[in-house]
PDB file of N, CA and C in Angstrom:
ATOM      1  N   MET A   1     -11.513 113.963  47.855  1.00  0.00           N
ATOM      2  CA  MET A   1     -10.906 112.840  48.103  1.00  0.00           C
ATOM      3  C   MET A   1      -9.982 112.744  49.760  1.00  0.00           C
ATOM      4  N   SER A   2     -10.716 112.218  50.310  1.00  0.00           N
ATOM      5  CA  SER A   2     -10.473 111.835  51.773  1.00  0.00           C
ATOM      6  C   SER A   2      -9.040 110.553  52.139  1.00  0.00           C
ATOM      7  N   LEU A   3      -8.293 109.983  51.926  1.00  0.00           N
ATOM      8  CA  LEU A   3      -7.880 108.859  52.118  1.00  0.00           C
ATOM      9  C   LEU A   3      -6.428 109.121  52.385  1.00  0.00           C
ATOM     10  N   GLU A   4      -6.001 108.337  53.732  1.00  0.00           N
ATOM     11  CA  GLU A   4      -5.062 108.951  54.586  1.00  0.00           C
ATOM     12  C   GLU A   4      -3.991 107.725  55.040  1.00  0.00           C
ATOM     13  N   GLY A   5      -2.606 107.474  55.355  1.00  0.00           N
ATOM     14  CA  GLY A   5      -1.883 105.925  55.197  1.00  0.00           C
ATOM     15  C   GLY A   5      -1.374 105.932  56.243  1.00  0.00           C
ATOM     16  N   THR A   6      -0.838 105.023  57.079  1.00  0.00           N
ATOM     17  CA  THR A   6       0.210 104.520  57.715  1.00  0.00           C
ATOM     18  C   THR A   6       0.831 103.456  57.747  1.00  0.00           C
ATOM     19  N   LEU A   7       1.917 103.783  57.792  1.00  0.00           N
ATOM     20  CA  LEU A   7       2.679 102.300  56.784  1.00  0.00           C
ATOM     21  C   LEU A   7       4.005 102.045  58.264  1.00  0.00           C
ATOM     22  N   ASP A   8       3.396 100.553  58.415  1.00  0.00           N
ATOM     23  CA  ASP A   8       3.721 100.127  59.449  1.00  0.00           C
ATOM     24  C   ASP A   8       5.519  99.170  58.828  1.00  0.00           C
ATOM     25  N   ALA A   9       6.156  98.774  59.552  1.00  0.00           N
ATOM     26  CA  ALA A   9       7.305  97.987  58.936  1.00  0.00           C
ATOM     27  C   ALA A   9       7.273  97.024  60.396  1.00  0.00           C
ATOM     28  N   THR A  10       7.741  95.772  59.967  1.00  0.00           N
ATOM     29  CA  THR A  10       8.528  94.501  61.308  1.00  0.00           C
ATOM     30  C   THR A  10       9.124  93.563  60.058  1.00  0.00           C
ATOM     31  N   SER A  11      11.030  93.828  61.120  1.00  0.00           N
ATOM     32  CA  SER A  11      11.106  92.533  60.182  1.00  0.00           C
ATOM     33  C   SER A  11      11.437  91.501  60.880  1.00  0.00           C
ATOM     34  N   ALA A  12      11.712  90.317  60.470  1.00  0.00           N
ATOM     35  CA  ALA A  12      11.629  89.156  61.559  1.00  0.00           C
ATOM     36  C   ALA A  12      12.234  88.651  60.756  1.00  0.00           C
ATOM     37  N   ASP A  13      13.190  86.944  61.082  1.00  0.00           N
ATOM     38  CA  ASP A  13      13.544  85.714  60.050  1.00  0.00           C
ATOM     39  C   ASP A  13      14.425  86.274  59.111  1.00  0.00           C
ATOM     40  N   GLY A  14      15.292  87.085  58.626  1.00  0.00           N
ATOM     41  CA  GLY A  14      15.166  87.952  57.047  1.00  0.00           C
ATOM     42  C   GLY A  14      14.455  88.115  56.463  1.00  0.00           C
ATOM     43  N   THR A  15      13.638  89.002  56.523  1.00  0.00           N
ATOM     44  CA  THR A  15      12.412  89.789  55.864  1.00  0.00           C
ATOM     45  C   THR A  15      11.950  91.436  56.134  1.00  0.00           C
ATOM     46  N   VAL A  16      11.802  91.806  55.707  1.00  0.00           N
ATOM     47  CA  VAL A  16      10.717  93.349  56.152  1.00  0.00           C
ATOM     48  C   VAL A  16       9.092  93.006  55.651  1.00  0.00           C
ATOM     49  N   GLN A  17       8.212  92.581  56.557  1.00  0.00           N
ATOM     50  CA  GLN A  17       6.940  93.293  56.170  1.00  0.00           C
ATOM     51  C   GLN A  17       6.332  94.570  56.531  1.00  0.00           C
ATOM     52  N   PHE A  18       6.148  94.764  55.577  1.00  0.00           N
ATOM     53  CA  PHE A  18       5.500  96.778  55.540  1.00  0.00           C
ATOM     54  C   PHE A  18       3.652  95.898  55.198  1.00  0.00           C
ATOM     55  N   THR A  19       3.333  97.417  56.048  1.00  0.00           N
ATOM     56  CA  THR A  19       2.072  96.484  55.763  1.00  0.00           C
ATOM     57  C   THR A  19       1.129  98.587  55.982  1.00  0.00           C
ATOM     58  N   LEU A  20       0.647  99.023  54.453  1.00  0.00           N
ATOM     59  CA  LEU A  20      -0.304 100.354  54.280  1.00  0.00           C
ATOM     60  C   LEU A  20      -1.293 100.235  54.591  1.00  0.00           C
ATOM     61  N   SER A  21      -1.536 100.858  55.816  1.00  0.00           N
ATOM     62  CA  SER A  21      -3.543 100.888  55.631  1.00  0.00           C
ATOM     63  C   SER A  21      -3.833 101.982  54.764  1.00  0.00           C
ATOM     64  N   VAL A  22      -4.333 102.217  54.571  1.00  0.00           N
ATOM     65  CA  VAL A  22      -5.615 103.107  53.816  1.00  0.00           C
ATOM     66  C   VAL A  22      -6.466 103.263  54.110  1.00  0.00           C
ATOM     67  N   GLU A  23      -6.911 104.487  55.127  1.00  0.00           N
ATOM     68  CA  GLU A  23      -8.526 105.007  55.439  1.00  0.00           C
ATOM     69  C   GLU A  23      -9.050 106.429  55.202  1.00  0.00           C
ATOM     70  N   ASN A  24     -10.246 105.713  54.631  1.00  0.00           N
ATOM     71  CA  ASN A  24     -11.442 107.012  53.932  1.00  0.00           C
ATOM     72  C   ASN A  24     -11.743 107.644  54.985  1.00  0.00           C
ATOM     73  N   THR A  25     -10.505 109.084  55.368  1.00  0.00           N
ATOM     74  CA  THR A  25     -11.543 109.280  56.226  1.00  0.00           C
ATOM     75  C   THR A  25     -13.111 110.633  56.113  1.00  0.00           C
ATOM     76  N   GLY A  26     -13.315 110.751  55.412  1.00  0.00           N
ATOM     77  CA  GLY A  26     -14.501 111.310  54.369  1.00  0.00           C
ATOM     78  C   GLY A  26     -15.451 110.997  54.606  1.00  0.00           C
ATOM     79  N   ASP A  27     -16.501 111.800  54.351  1.00  0.00           N
ATOM     80  CA  ASP A  27     -17.865 111.306  54.525  1.00  0.00           C
ATOM     81  C   ASP A  27     -18.597 110.687  53.627  1.00  0.00           C
ATOM     82  N   ASP A  28     -17.241 110.679  52.216  1.00  0.00           N
ATOM     83  CA  ASP A  28     -18.081 110.363  50.890  1.00  0.00           C
ATOM     84  C   ASP A  28     -17.307 109.028  50.511  1.00  0.00           C
ATOM     85  N   PRO A  29     -17.588 108.227  49.825  1.00  0.00           N
ATOM     86  CA  PRO A  29     -17.042 106.983  49.388  1.00  0.00           C
ATOM     87  C   PRO A  29     -15.682 107.437  48.744  1.00  0.00           C
ATOM     88  N   VAL A  30     -15.003 106.776  48.088  1.00  0.00           N
ATOM     89  CA  VAL A  30     -13.467 107.107  47.752  1.00  0.00           C
ATOM     90  C   VAL A  30     -13.597 105.488  46.535  1.00  0.00           C
ATOM     91  N   THR A  31     -13.590 106.368  45.528  1.00  0.00           N
ATOM     92  CA  THR A  31     -12.675 104.838  44.098  1.00  0.00           C
ATOM     93  C   THR A  31     -12.044 105.109  43.739  1.00  0.00           C
ATOM     94  N   ALA A  32     -11.077 104.365  44.429  1.00  0.00           N
ATOM     95  CA  ALA A  32      -9.540 104.543  43.712  1.00  0.00           C
ATOM     96  C   ALA A  32      -9.782 103.456  42.422  1.00  0.00           C
ATOM     97  N   GLN A  33      -8.718 104.177  40.783  1.00  0.00           N
ATOM     98  CA  GLN A  33      -9.240 103.409  39.692  1.00  0.00           C
ATOM     99  C   GLN A  33      -7.496 103.352  39.546  1.00  0.00           C
ATOM    100  N   PHE A  34      -7.378 101.432  39.604  1.00  0.00           N
ATOM    101  CA  PHE A  34      -5.519 100.511  38.949  1.00  0.00           C
ATOM    102  C   PHE A  34      -5.934 100.533  37.801  1.00  0.00           C
ATOM    103  N   SER A  35      -4.712 100.679  36.977  1.00  0.00           N
ATOM    104  CA  SER A  35      -3.829 100.678  35.877  1.00  0.00           C
ATOM    105  C   SER A  35      -3.679  98.072  35.886  1.00  0.00           C
ATOM    106  N   ASN A  36      -3.083  98.269  36.823  1.00  0.00           N
ATOM    107  CA  ASN A  36      -2.552  96.608  36.772  1.00  0.00           C
ATOM    108  C   ASN A  36      -2.734  96.321  38.151  1.00  0.00           C
ATOM    109  N   GLY A  37      -2.632  95.045  38.929  1.00  0.00           N
ATOM    110  CA  GLY A  37      -2.812  94.412  39.056  1.00  0.00           C
ATOM    111  C   GLY A  37      -2.780  94.813  40.888  1.00  0.00           C
ATOM    112  N   CYS A  38      -1.818  96.251  40.646  1.00  0.00           N
ATOM    113  CA  CYS A  38      -0.718  96.499  41.788  1.00  0.00           C
ATOM    114  C   CYS A  38      -1.258  96.832  42.707  1.00  0.00           C
ATOM    115  N   ARG A  39      -1.356  97.741  44.060  1.00  0.00           N
ATOM    116  CA  ARG A  39      -2.581  98.129  44.206  1.00  0.00           C
ATOM    117  C   ARG A  39      -1.405  99.183  45.681  1.00  0.00           C
ATOM    118  N   ALA A  40      -0.200  98.387  45.634  1.00  0.00           N
ATOM    119  CA  ALA A  40       0.357 100.190  46.555  1.00  0.00           C
ATOM    120  C   ALA A  40       1.704  98.908  46.027  1.00  0.00           C
ATOM    121  N   ASP A  41       2.387 100.495  46.314  1.00  0.00           N
ATOM    122  CA  ASP A  41       4.199  99.729  46.493  1.00  0.00           C
ATOM    123  C   ASP A  41       5.077 100.995  48.022  1.00  0.00           C
ATOM    124  N   VAL A  42       6.487 100.176  47.905  1.00  0.00           N
ATOM    125  CA  VAL A  42       6.723 100.728  49.025  1.00  0.00           C
ATOM    126  C   VAL A  42       8.424 101.058  48.667  1.00  0.00           C
ATOM    127  N   ALA A  43       8.157 102.518  48.822  1.00  0.00           N
ATOM    128  CA  ALA A  43       9.900 101.963  48.864  1.00  0.00           C
ATOM    129  C   ALA A  43      11.057 102.544  50.434  1.00  0.00           C
ATOM    130  N   VAL A  44      12.105 102.236  49.931  1.00  0.00           N
ATOM    131  CA  VAL A  44      13.457 102.366  50.681  1.00  0.00           C
ATOM    132  C   VAL A  44      14.605 103.371  50.524  1.00  0.00           C
ATOM    133  N   VAL A  45      14.362 104.094  51.313  1.00  0.00           N
ATOM    134  CA  VAL A  45      15.740 104.847  50.892  1.00  0.00           C
ATOM    135  C   VAL A  45      16.165 105.123  52.353  1.00  0.00           C
ATOM    136  N   ASP A  46      17.318 105.641  51.353  1.00  0.00           N
ATOM    137  CA  ASP A  46      18.758 105.717  52.717  1.00  0.00           C
ATOM    138  C   ASP A  46      19.405 107.226  52.225  1.00  0.00           C
ATOM    139  N   ASP A  47      19.696 107.951  52.717  1.00  0.00           N
ATOM    140  CA  ASP A  47      19.750 108.922  52.780  1.00  0.00           C
ATOM    141  C   ASP A  47      19.683 109.822  51.418  1.00  0.00           C
ATOM    142  N   GLY A  48      18.567 109.451  51.215  1.00  0.00           N
ATOM    143  CA  GLY A  48      18.482 110.113  49.982  1.00  0.00           C
ATOM    144  C   GLY A  48      18.277 109.341  48.803  1.00  0.00           C
ATOM    145  N   THR A  49      18.650 107.758  48.555  1.00  0.00           N
ATOM    146  CA  THR A  49      18.912 107.139  47.530  1.00  0.00           C
ATOM    147  C   THR A  49      18.176 106.158  47.801  1.00  0.00           C
ATOM    148  N   GLU A  50      17.339 105.901  47.007  1.00  0.00           N
ATOM    149  CA  GLU A  50      16.282 104.701  47.043  1.00  0.00           C
ATOM    150  C   GLU A  50      17.131 103.571  46.812  1.00  0.00           C
ATOM    151  N   ILE A  51      17.378 102.055  47.962  1.00  0.00           N
ATOM    152  CA  ILE A  51      18.165 101.369  47.769  1.00  0.00           C
ATOM    153  C   ILE A  51      17.224 100.106  47.047  1.00  0.00           C
ATOM    154  N   TRP A  52      15.714 100.147  47.450  1.00  0.00           N
ATOM    155  CA  TRP A  52      15.153  98.789  47.344  1.00  0.00           C
ATOM    156  C   TRP A  52      13.424 100.269  46.503  1.00  0.00           C
ATOM    157  N   ARG A  53      12.372  99.468  45.829  1.00  0.00           N
ATOM    158  CA  ARG A  53      11.980  99.675  45.514  1.00  0.00           C
ATOM    159  C   ARG A  53      10.519  98.183  45.376  1.00  0.00           C
ATOM    160  N   TYR A  54       9.587  97.971  45.619  1.00  0.00           N
ATOM    161  CA  TYR A  54       8.570  96.729  46.089  1.00  0.00           C
ATOM    162  C   TYR A  54       8.060  95.932  44.172  1.00  0.00           C
ATOM    163  N   THR A  55       7.841  97.494  43.549  1.00  0.00           N
ATOM    164  CA  THR A  55       7.974  96.665  42.230  1.00  0.00           C
ATOM    165  C   THR A  55       8.572  97.024  41.100  1.00  0.00           C
ATOM    166  N   ASP A  56      10.438  96.914  41.593  1.00  0.00           N
ATOM    167  CA  ASP A  56      10.893  97.417  40.377  1.00  0.00           C
ATOM    168  C   ASP A  56      11.137  95.411  40.384  1.00  0.00           C
ATOM    169  N   GLY A  57      11.358  95.075  38.863  1.00  0.00           N
ATOM    170  CA  GLY A  57      11.446  93.575  38.807  1.00  0.00           C
ATOM    171  C   GLY A  57      10.128  92.962  38.834  1.00  0.00           C
ATOM    172  N   ARG A  58       9.140  92.885  38.907  1.00  0.00           N
ATOM    173  CA  ARG A  58       7.656  92.961  39.124  1.00  0.00           C
ATOM    174  C   ARG A  58       6.937  92.815  38.172  1.00  0.00           C
ATOM    175  N   MET A  59       6.402  91.980  37.594  1.00  0.00           N
ATOM    176  CA  MET A  59       5.568  92.082  36.330  1.00  0.00           C
ATOM    177  C   MET A  59       3.988  92.551  37.975  1.00  0.00           C
ATOM    178  N   PHE A  60       2.435  92.715  36.685  1.00  0.00           N
ATOM    179  CA  PHE A  60       1.632  92.657  37.809  1.00  0.00           C
ATOM    180  C   PHE A  60       0.572  92.332  36.352  1.00  0.00           C
ATOM    181  N   THR A  61      -0.292  91.923  36.351  1.00  0.00           N
ATOM    182  CA  THR A  61      -1.511  90.945  35.911  1.00  0.00           C
ATOM    183  C   THR A  61      -2.407  93.042  35.344  1.00  0.00           C
ATOM    184  N   GLN A  62      -2.235  93.069  33.980  1.00  0.00           N
ATOM    185  CA  GLN A  62      -2.518  94.124  33.204  1.00  0.00           C
ATOM    186  C   GLN A  62      -4.364  94.082  33.158  1.00  0.00           C
ATOM    187  N   VAL A  63      -4.558  94.915  33.575  1.00  0.00           N
ATOM    188  CA  VAL A  63      -5.741  94.489  33.781  1.00  0.00           C
ATOM    189  C   VAL A  63      -6.465  95.511  34.646  1.00  0.00           C
ATOM    190  N   LEU A  64      -7.038  96.957  34.562  1.00  0.00           N
ATOM    191  CA  LEU A  64      -8.047  98.116  34.878  1.00  0.00           C
ATOM    192  C   LEU A  64      -8.699  97.274  35.937  1.00  0.00           C
ATOM    193  N   GLY A  65      -8.568  97.760  37.439  1.00  0.00           N
ATOM    194  CA  GLY A  65      -9.561  97.907  38.427  1.00  0.00           C
ATOM    195  C   GLY A  65      -9.747  98.845  39.415  1.00  0.00           C
ATOM    196  N   SER A  66     -10.475  98.858  39.729  1.00  0.00           N
ATOM    197  CA  SER A  66     -10.860  99.373  41.019  1.00  0.00           C
ATOM    198  C   SER A  66     -10.788  99.266  42.730  1.00  0.00           C
ATOM    199  N   GLU A  67     -10.425  99.873  43.493  1.00  0.00           N
ATOM    200  CA  GLU A  67     -11.558  99.748  44.474  1.00  0.00           C
ATOM    201  C   GLU A  67     -12.570 101.114  45.393  1.00  0.00           C
ATOM    202  N   GLU A  68     -13.571 100.978  46.452  1.00  0.00           N
ATOM    203  CA  GLU A  68     -14.448 101.631  46.720  1.00  0.00           C
ATOM    204  C   GLU A  68     -14.051 101.827  48.129  1.00  0.00           C
ATOM    205  N   PHE A  69     -13.544 102.386  48.879  1.00  0.00           N
ATOM    206  CA  PHE A  69     -13.575 102.249  50.489  1.00  0.00           C
ATOM    207  C   PHE A  69     -14.705 103.648  50.802  1.00  0.00           C
ATOM    208  N   ASP A  70     -14.904 102.937  51.450  1.00  0.00           N
ATOM    209  CA  ASP A  70     -16.404 103.364  52.411  1.00  0.00           C
ATOM    210  C   ASP A  70     -16.161 105.018  52.464  1.00  0.00           C
ATOM    211  N   PRO A  71     -16.466 105.015  53.494  1.00  0.00           N
ATOM    212  CA  PRO A  71     -16.154 106.756  54.540  1.00  0.00           C
ATOM    213  C   PRO A  71     -16.253 105.428  56.182  1.00  0.00           C
ATOM    214  N   GLY A  72     -15.599 105.716  56.832  1.00  0.00           N
ATOM    215  CA  GLY A  72     -14.078 105.060  57.466  1.00  0.00           C
ATOM    216  C   GLY A  72     -13.611 103.866  57.213  1.00  0.00           C
ATOM    217  N   GLU A  73     -13.777 103.455  56.130  1.00  0.00           N
ATOM    218  CA  GLU A  73     -13.381 102.181  55.727  1.00  0.00           C
ATOM    219  C   GLU A  73     -11.492 102.421  55.900  1.00  0.00           C
ATOM    220  N   THR A  74     -10.811 101.047  56.519  1.00  0.00           N
ATOM    221  CA  THR A  74      -9.767 100.964  56.217  1.00  0.00           C
ATOM    222  C   THR A  74      -9.316  99.295  55.684  1.00  0.00           C
ATOM    223  N   ARG A  75      -8.604  99.742  54.536  1.00  0.00           N
ATOM    224  CA  ARG A  75      -7.470  98.745  53.769  1.00  0.00           C
ATOM    225  C   ARG A  75      -6.257  98.619  53.974  1.00  0.00           C
ATOM    226  N   THR A  76      -5.949  97.273  53.967  1.00  0.00           N
ATOM    227  CA  THR A  76      -4.325  96.879  54.135  1.00  0.00           C
ATOM    228  C   THR A  76      -3.917  96.496  52.875  1.00  0.00           C
ATOM    229  N   PHE A  77      -2.674  96.541  52.103  1.00  0.00           N
ATOM    230  CA  PHE A  77      -2.150  95.854  51.478  1.00  0.00           C
ATOM    231  C   PHE A  77      -0.428  95.580  52.006  1.00  0.00           C
ATOM    232  N   ASP A  78      -0.689  94.183  51.751  1.00  0.00           N
ATOM    233  CA  ASP A  78       1.461  93.815  52.436  1.00  0.00           C
ATOM    234  C   ASP A  78       2.025  93.813  51.243  1.00  0.00           C
ATOM    235  N   VAL A  79       3.166  94.525  52.031  1.00  0.00           N
ATOM    236  CA  VAL A  79       4.054  94.079  50.923  1.00  0.00           C
ATOM    237  C   VAL A  79       5.832  92.619  51.528  1.00  0.00           C
ATOM    238  N   GLU A  80       6.183  92.478  51.020  1.00  0.00           N
ATOM    239  CA  GLU A  80       7.666  92.017  51.516  1.00  0.00           C
ATOM    240  C   GLU A  80       8.885  92.222  51.141  1.00  0.00           C
ATOM    241  N   TRP A  81       9.790  92.999  52.062  1.00  0.00           N
ATOM    242  CA  TRP A  81      11.258  92.937  51.233  1.00  0.00           C
ATOM    243  C   TRP A  81      12.495  91.468  51.304  1.00  0.00           C
ATOM    244  N   ASP A  82      12.459  91.412  51.259  1.00  0.00           N
ATOM    245  CA  ASP A  82      13.441  90.139  50.766  1.00  0.00           C
ATOM    246  C   ASP A  82      14.734  90.356  51.771  1.00  0.00           C
ATOM    247  N   ASP A  83      15.459  89.734  52.896  1.00  0.00           N
ATOM    248  CA  ASP A  83      17.429  89.734  52.769  1.00  0.00           C
ATOM    249  C   ASP A  83      16.846  90.925  52.413  1.00  0.00           C
ATOM    250  N   PRO A  84      17.109  92.167  53.657  1.00  0.00           N
ATOM    251  CA  PRO A  84      17.134  92.861  53.315  1.00  0.00           C
ATOM    252  C   PRO A  84      18.339  93.328  54.247  1.00  0.00           C
ATOM    253  N   THR A  85      19.234  94.209  53.371  1.00  0.00           N
ATOM    254  CA  THR A  85      20.934  94.507  54.120  1.00  0.00           C
ATOM    255  C   THR A  85      20.746  95.636  55.136  1.00  0.00           C
ATOM    256  N   PRO A  86      21.212  95.147  56.193  1.00  0.00           N
ATOM    257  CA  PRO A  86      21.060  95.748  58.034  1.00  0.00           C
ATOM    258  C   PRO A  86      21.403  96.834  56.952  1.00  0.00           C
ATOM    259  N   GLY A  87      20.607  98.029  58.217  1.00  0.00           N
ATOM    260  CA  GLY A  87      20.629  99.214  58.633  1.00  0.00           C
ATOM    261  C   GLY A  87      19.677 100.031  58.446  1.00  0.00           C
ATOM    262  N   SER A  88      19.800 101.227  58.579  1.00  0.00           N
ATOM    263  CA  SER A  88      17.934 102.430  59.086  1.00  0.00           C
ATOM    264  C   SER A  88      18.058 103.377  57.761  1.00  0.00           C
ATOM    265  N   TYR A  89      16.639 103.125  57.976  1.00  0.00           N
ATOM    266  CA  TYR A  89      16.519 103.723  56.079  1.00  0.00           C
ATOM    267  C   TYR A  89      15.467 104.350  56.389  1.00  0.00           C
ATOM    268  N   THR A  90      14.197 104.511  55.729  1.00  0.00           N
ATOM    269  CA  THR A  90      13.715 105.391  55.667  1.00  0.00           C
ATOM    270  C   THR A  90      12.274 104.727  54.646  1.00  0.00           C
ATOM    271  N   ALA A  91      11.134 104.287  54.790  1.00  0.00           N
ATOM    272  CA  ALA A  91       9.905 103.421  54.065  1.00  0.00           C
ATOM    273  C   ALA A  91       9.271 104.848  53.690  1.00  0.00           C
ATOM    274  N   VAL A  92       8.589 104.933  52.516  1.00  0.00           N
ATOM    275  CA  VAL A  92       7.727 105.365  51.915  1.00  0.00           C
ATOM    276  C   VAL A  92       7.355 103.866  51.491  1.00  0.00           C
ATOM    277  N   GLY A  93       5.422 104.110  51.727  1.00  0.00           N
ATOM    278  CA  GLY A  93       4.247 103.355  50.950  1.00  0.00           C
ATOM    279  C   GLY A  93       3.517 104.397  50.348  1.00  0.00           C
ATOM    280  N   GLU A  94       2.735 103.637  48.835  1.00  0.00           N
ATOM    281  CA  GLU A  94       2.109 104.585  48.514  1.00  0.00           C
ATOM    282  C   GLU A  94       1.266 103.360  47.767  1.00  0.00           C
ATOM    283  N   LEU A  95      -0.487 104.459  48.038  1.00  0.00           N
ATOM    284  CA  LEU A  95      -1.515 103.648  46.606  1.00  0.00           C
ATOM    285  C   LEU A  95      -1.252 103.924  45.564  1.00  0.00           C
ATOM    286  N   THR A  96      -1.604 102.677  44.824  1.00  0.00           N
ATOM    287  CA  THR A  96      -1.127 102.963  42.900  1.00  0.00           C
ATOM    288  C   THR A  96      -1.810 103.191  42.639  1.00  0.00           C
ATOM    289  N   ALA A  97      -2.549 103.933  42.849  1.00  0.00           N
ATOM    290  CA  ALA A  97      -4.148 104.674  42.021  1.00  0.00           C
ATOM    291  C   ALA A  97      -3.669 105.212  41.090  1.00  0.00           C
ATOM    292  N   ALA A  98      -4.220 105.856  40.589  1.00  0.00           N
ATOM    293  CA  ALA A  98      -4.199 106.670  38.636  1.00  0.00           C
ATOM    294  C   ALA A  98      -4.927 108.035  40.094  1.00  0.00           C
ATOM    295  N   ASN A  99      -6.651 108.004  39.685  1.00  0.00           N
ATOM    296  CA  ASN A  99      -6.984 109.161  40.520  1.00  0.00           C
ATOM    297  C   ASN A  99      -6.628 109.220  41.675  1.00  0.00           C
ATOM    298  N   CYS A 100      -6.209 109.238  42.060  1.00  0.00           N
ATOM    299  CA  CYS A 100      -6.394 109.577  44.273  1.00  0.00           C
ATOM    300  C   CYS A 100      -5.020 109.569  44.652  1.00  0.00           C
ATOM    301  N   SER A 101      -4.280 109.646  45.801  1.00  0.00           N
ATOM    302  CA  SER A 101      -3.365 109.398  46.275  1.00  0.00           C
ATOM    303  C   SER A 101      -3.034 109.278  47.649  1.00  0.00           C
ATOM    304  N   CYS A 102      -2.557 108.544  47.862  1.00  0.00           N
ATOM    305  CA  CYS A 102      -2.707 107.686  49.849  1.00  0.00           C
ATOM    306  C   CYS A 102      -1.051 107.882  49.613  1.00  0.00           C
ATOM    307  N   GLU A 103      -0.240 108.021  50.543  1.00  0.00           N
ATOM    308  CA  GLU A 103       1.353 108.023  50.784  1.00  0.00           C
ATOM    309  C   GLU A 103       1.564 108.002  52.304  1.00  0.00           C
ATOM    310  N   ALA A 104       2.594 106.997  52.704  1.00  0.00           N
ATOM    311  CA  ALA A 104       2.910 107.683  54.352  1.00  0.00           C
ATOM    312  C   ALA A 104       4.476 106.778  54.096  1.00  0.00           C
ATOM    313  N   GLU A 105       5.227 107.306  55.346  1.00  0.00           N
ATOM    314  CA  GLU A 105       6.341 107.047  55.577  1.00  0.00           C
ATOM    315  C   GLU A 105       5.875 106.504  57.634  1.00  0.00           C
ATOM    316  N   THR A 106       8.062 105.545  57.638  1.00  0.00           N
ATOM    317  CA  THR A 106       8.061 105.036  58.478  1.00  0.00           C
ATOM    318  C   THR A 106       9.642 104.820  58.524  1.00  0.00           C
ATOM    319  N   THR A 107      10.205 104.894  59.673  1.00  0.00           N
ATOM    320  CA  THR A 107      11.568 104.224  60.098  1.00  0.00           C
ATOM    321  C   THR A 107      11.333 103.149  60.407  1.00  0.00           C
ATOM    322  N   LEU A 108      13.218 102.746  60.083  1.00  0.00           N
ATOM    323  CA  LEU A 108      12.834 101.266  59.831  1.00  0.00           C
ATOM    324  C   LEU A 108      14.498 101.017  60.209  1.00  0.00           C
ATOM    325  N   SER A 109      15.050 100.071  61.234  1.00  0.00           N
ATOM    326  CA  SER A 109      16.811  99.557  61.680  1.00  0.00           C
ATOM    327  C   SER A 109      16.344  98.144  61.581  1.00  0.00           C
ATOM    328  N   ILE A 110      17.271  97.269  60.770  1.00  0.00           N
ATOM    329  CA  ILE A 110      17.271  96.031  59.999  1.00  0.00           C
ATOM    330  C   ILE A 110      18.713  95.349  61.375  1.00  0.00           C
TER     331      ILE A 110
END
């Protein structure tokens, strides 16, 4: 499977908006299978210690689903971190599919 990701982070008004972009760089369609309503997750790490994760403490619909990525297609998934602690961090975003993986990271300062 040929899914490649990029992660962007934008800080404004006391929140950080993360956008995980997932592109099918292959020649064939890719169908990502999901076990719930969550399609992407982001973790924020400070010197190797995870300090925030989007999915922690959240509930998602418990329904199987799929997303098909056609060749050359890019989809974006947005995640918001409310009231972040000031500092410099590494953020890691990932597609939460059960049958394929796509991960990207970025650095950010708040």
